Amino acid sequence: MILKELKIITPLGEPTNCYIVFDEESKESMVIDPAGETEKIIEMLDILKANLKYIYITHCHGDHIGGVKKLHEERKGKILIHRLDAPGLNNPNISLTEYIGVEPINLEADSIVDNDDLLHIGGLEFKVIHTPGHTCGGSSLYCEKEKMVFTGDTLFRGTWGRTDLPTSNFQDIMDSITNKLMQLPEETIVYPGHGKSTMIREERPIYFELKPRLM
């Protein structure tokens, strides 16, 4: 497996992490949260000689979906999102495109996903984990084989996502983190929607022992 992380610049200021998962044997790939700068994403797919199978959206906010439409038009790939966030793809009051400063985006998912659904990229299997809180339909993708989880804006290094936005809820995000993400093996690498990666074992003390993350 090859994993590429691209820092996508959006009007919000903080770059959004876009990830490309590539299975070398099958040449299948998945792009997670193509927030914009589509040419950069396509260039990397070309370098890898990758066939795009899925465009996976962890949640419907404008700073994560800005490049979805163009990527889909040029490279196909099924657009996937959790069923509870699918309506937000074409609702600016939920996607917050105006607030973020991006053009209005109208998208339709090709397929919706639910908790415990399995996605396959060649020989790689990813499990959908419904992790509401930042949005009601936020989701994470866990690959047991590669010991990695993509958490969108649910879990960051040393903190969690905002819960003062439409469909967000503080108790939900705490439940998602403590009862779902923190239950993953401690050696699992966390790839968030913004900022640096971390590991489950580094984040557990924050939620189980109420200790701040050091460094």
Protein backbone atom coordinates (compact mmCIF):
# COMPACT_ATOMS: atom_id res chain seq x y z
CA MET A 1 0.00 0.00 0.00
CA ILE A 2 1.08 3.57 -0.71
CA LEU A 3 -0.38 6.48 1.25
CA LYS A 4 0.02 10.05 0.04
CA GLU A 5 -1.00 13.07 2.11
CA LEU A 6 -1.66 16.33 0.31
CA LYS A 7 -2.10 19.65 2.09
CA ILE A 8 -4.96 21.38 0.27
CA ILE A 9 -5.24 25.14 0.66
CA THR A 10 -8.78 26.44 1.23
CA PRO A 11 -10.12 29.93 2.02
CA LEU A 12 -10.54 28.86 5.63
CA GLY A 13 -6.81 29.31 6.16
CA GLU A 14 -5.75 26.00 7.70
CA PRO A 15 -4.90 23.39 5.06
CA THR A 16 -7.15 20.37 4.76
CA ASN A 17 -5.49 16.98 4.68
CA CYS A 18 -6.41 15.05 1.54
CA TYR A 19 -5.28 11.43 1.45
CA ILE A 20 -4.69 9.08 -1.46
CA VAL A 21 -4.71 5.38 -0.65
CA PHE A 22 -3.19 3.25 -3.41
CA ASP A 23 -3.02 -0.53 -3.74
CA GLU A 24 0.08 -1.29 -5.82
CA GLU A 25 -1.05 -4.69 -7.04
CA SER A 26 -4.54 -3.81 -8.28
CA LYS A 27 -3.72 -0.15 -9.09
CA GLU A 28 -6.98 0.84 -7.37
CA SER A 29 -7.07 3.99 -5.30
CA MET A 30 -9.29 6.01 -3.00
CA VAL A 31 -9.11 9.77 -2.42
CA ILE A 32 -10.29 10.92 1.00
CA ASP A 33 -11.56 14.50 1.36
CA PRO A 34 -10.49 16.20 -1.90
CA ALA A 35 -10.91 19.73 -0.57
CA GLY A 36 -9.71 21.55 -3.69
CA GLU A 37 -6.57 22.01 -5.82
CA THR A 38 -7.82 19.15 -7.94
CA GLU A 39 -4.88 19.40 -10.35
CA LYS A 40 -2.54 18.50 -7.51
CA ILE A 41 -4.59 15.42 -6.68
CA ILE A 42 -4.84 14.31 -10.31
CA GLU A 43 -1.09 14.81 -10.78
CA MET A 44 -0.42 12.43 -7.90
CA LEU A 45 -2.89 9.87 -9.27
CA ASP A 46 -1.06 10.07 -12.60
CA ILE A 47 2.33 9.60 -10.95
CA LEU A 48 0.99 6.48 -9.23
CA LYS A 49 -0.77 5.33 -12.44
CA ALA A 50 -3.79 4.83 -10.21
CA ASN A 51 -7.36 3.96 -11.12
CA LEU A 52 -9.69 5.97 -8.90
CA LYS A 53 -12.32 3.72 -7.34
CA TYR A 54 -13.75 5.85 -4.53
CA ILE A 55 -13.94 9.49 -3.49
CA TYR A 56 -14.62 9.25 0.23
CA ILE A 57 -15.97 12.25 2.15
CA THR A 58 -15.59 12.10 5.93
CA HIS A 59 -18.13 14.88 6.39
CA CYS A 60 -19.95 17.46 4.29
CA HIS A 61 -18.19 20.72 5.21
CA GLY A 62 -17.05 22.98 2.37
CA ASP A 63 -13.38 22.79 3.31
CA HIS A 64 -13.45 19.03 2.65
CA ILE A 65 -15.53 18.81 -0.52
CA GLY A 66 -14.30 21.68 -2.71
CA GLY A 67 -12.53 19.41 -5.22
CA VAL A 68 -15.01 16.54 -5.30
CA LYS A 69 -17.03 17.60 -8.32
CA LYS A 70 -14.08 18.26 -10.61
CA LEU A 71 -12.26 15.12 -9.50
CA HIS A 72 -15.37 13.07 -10.16
CA GLU A 73 -15.85 14.61 -13.59
CA GLU A 74 -12.27 13.96 -14.64
CA ARG A 75 -11.48 10.63 -12.96
CA LYS A 76 -14.88 9.17 -12.09
CA GLY A 77 -14.69 7.26 -8.82
CA LYS A 78 -17.81 6.74 -6.72
CA ILE A 79 -18.61 9.56 -4.29
CA LEU A 80 -19.24 8.06 -0.85
CA ILE A 81 -20.50 9.71 2.33
CA HIS A 82 -22.44 8.62 5.41
CA ARG A 83 -26.19 8.74 4.87
CA LEU A 84 -26.76 11.39 7.57
CA ASP A 85 -24.32 13.85 5.97
CA ALA A 86 -25.44 13.26 2.37
CA PRO A 87 -28.15 15.99 2.53
CA GLY A 88 -25.51 18.52 3.56
CA LEU A 89 -23.67 18.16 0.26
CA ASN A 90 -26.17 20.51 -1.40
CA ASN A 91 -27.32 22.50 1.62
CA PRO A 92 -25.08 25.54 2.24
CA ASN A 93 -26.55 25.99 5.71
CA ILE A 94 -24.94 22.67 6.63
CA SER A 95 -21.89 22.59 4.35
CA LEU A 96 -21.06 26.17 5.44
CA THR A 97 -19.62 27.04 2.04
CA GLU A 98 -20.44 30.74 2.42
CA TYR A 99 -18.94 30.85 5.91
CA ILE A 100 -15.80 29.09 4.73
CA GLY A 101 -15.52 31.29 1.65
CA VAL A 102 -15.86 28.75 -1.14
CA GLU A 103 -18.23 28.78 -4.09
CA PRO A 104 -21.63 27.10 -3.55
CA ILE A 105 -21.26 23.36 -4.08
CA ASN A 106 -24.07 21.08 -5.21
CA LEU A 107 -23.15 17.41 -5.00
CA GLU A 108 -24.94 14.11 -4.96
CA ALA A 109 -23.35 11.00 -3.54
CA ASP A 110 -23.14 7.96 -5.80
CA SER A 111 -23.58 5.73 -2.77
CA ILE A 112 -24.18 6.26 0.92
CA VAL A 113 -22.40 4.34 3.65
CA ASP A 114 -23.38 3.22 7.12
CA ASN A 115 -21.59 2.13 10.25
CA ASP A 116 -19.65 -1.14 9.80
CA ASP A 117 -19.80 -1.04 5.99
CA LEU A 118 -16.66 -2.42 4.35
CA LEU A 119 -14.84 -0.84 1.41
CA HIS A 120 -12.15 -2.61 -0.59
CA ILE A 121 -9.25 -1.06 -2.48
CA GLY A 122 -7.50 -4.02 -4.05
CA GLY A 123 -6.44 -6.20 -1.12
CA LEU A 124 -7.07 -3.46 1.45
CA GLU A 125 -10.21 -3.46 3.56
CA PHE A 126 -11.57 -0.33 5.23
CA LYS A 127 -14.32 -0.32 7.83
CA VAL A 128 -16.69 2.63 8.09
CA ILE A 129 -17.07 3.91 11.65
CA HIS A 130 -19.91 6.38 12.18
CA THR A 131 -18.36 9.10 14.35
CA PRO A 132 -20.96 11.86 14.79
CA GLY A 133 -20.29 15.02 16.75
CA HIS A 134 -18.59 17.47 14.42
CA THR A 135 -21.49 16.72 12.08
CA CYS A 136 -24.30 14.25 12.57
CA GLY A 137 -23.02 12.06 9.74
CA GLY A 138 -19.30 12.33 10.25
CA SER A 139 -17.45 9.08 9.68
CA SER A 140 -14.00 7.57 10.00
CA LEU A 141 -12.29 4.87 7.93
CA TYR A 142 -10.30 2.13 9.69
CA CYS A 143 -7.88 -0.29 8.05
CA GLU A 144 -6.89 -3.03 10.48
CA LYS A 145 -4.24 -4.48 8.16
CA GLU A 146 -2.34 -1.21 7.87
CA LYS A 147 -3.12 -0.05 11.44
CA MET A 148 -4.55 3.29 10.37
CA VAL A 149 -7.70 5.33 10.79
CA PHE A 150 -8.80 8.45 8.92
CA THR A 151 -10.83 10.55 11.33
CA GLY A 152 -11.87 13.64 9.38
CA ASP A 153 -12.62 16.44 11.86
CA THR A 154 -13.65 14.14 14.70
CA LEU A 155 -10.26 13.50 16.28
CA PHE A 156 -7.14 15.63 15.95
CA ARG A 157 -3.71 15.45 17.53
CA GLY A 158 -4.38 16.54 21.10
CA THR A 159 -7.96 17.70 20.63
CA TRP A 160 -11.29 17.16 18.87
CA GLY A 161 -13.43 18.86 16.24
CA ARG A 162 -15.69 21.87 16.75
CA THR A 163 -19.16 21.23 18.10
CA ASP A 164 -20.70 24.69 17.69
CA LEU A 165 -21.78 24.16 14.08
CA PRO A 166 -25.02 22.94 12.45
CA THR A 167 -25.76 19.27 13.30
CA SER A 168 -22.77 19.13 15.69
CA ASN A 169 -23.02 17.94 19.29
CA PHE A 170 -20.40 17.83 22.04
CA GLN A 171 -21.70 14.71 23.76
CA ASP A 172 -21.83 12.88 20.43
CA ILE A 173 -18.21 13.67 19.60
CA MET A 174 -17.05 12.58 23.04
CA ASP A 175 -18.99 9.32 22.65
CA SER A 176 -17.54 8.80 19.17
CA ILE A 177 -14.00 9.29 20.41
CA THR A 178 -14.14 7.39 23.70
CA ASN A 179 -16.48 4.55 22.72
CA LYS A 180 -15.31 4.00 19.13
CA LEU A 181 -11.97 5.50 18.18
CA MET A 182 -10.23 4.98 21.52
CA GLN A 183 -11.28 1.32 21.39
CA LEU A 184 -9.06 0.73 18.35
CA PRO A 185 -5.65 -0.90 18.94
CA GLU A 186 -3.26 1.51 20.60
CA GLU A 187 -0.72 1.27 17.76
CA THR A 188 -3.29 2.59 15.25
CA ILE A 189 -2.06 5.70 13.43
CA VAL A 190 -4.60 8.53 13.29
CA TYR A 191 -4.76 10.60 10.10
CA PRO A 192 -6.98 13.64 10.81
CA GLY A 193 -8.64 16.15 8.52
CA HIS A 194 -6.24 18.92 9.61
CA GLY A 195 -2.87 19.06 11.29
CA LYS A 196 -0.40 16.32 12.16
CA SER A 197 -0.99 12.61 12.51
CA THR A 198 -0.91 10.91 15.90
CA MET A 199 -1.53 7.49 17.45
CA ILE A 200 -4.39 6.13 19.50
CA ARG A 201 -2.09 5.41 22.44
CA GLU A 202 -0.96 9.06 22.47
CA GLU A 203 -4.55 10.34 22.64
CA ARG A 204 -6.08 7.94 25.17
CA PRO A 205 -4.87 9.80 28.31
CA ILE A 206 -6.81 12.90 27.20
CA TYR A 207 -10.11 11.04 27.28
CA PHE A 208 -9.55 8.35 29.90
CA GLU A 209 -7.30 10.14 32.38
CA LEU A 210 -8.20 13.78 31.63
CA LYS A 211 -4.56 14.60 30.98
CA PRO A 212 -3.47 17.09 28.28
CA ARG A 213 -1.33 15.82 25.45
CA LEU A 214 2.32 16.69 25.98
CA MET A 215 4.18 17.92 22.86
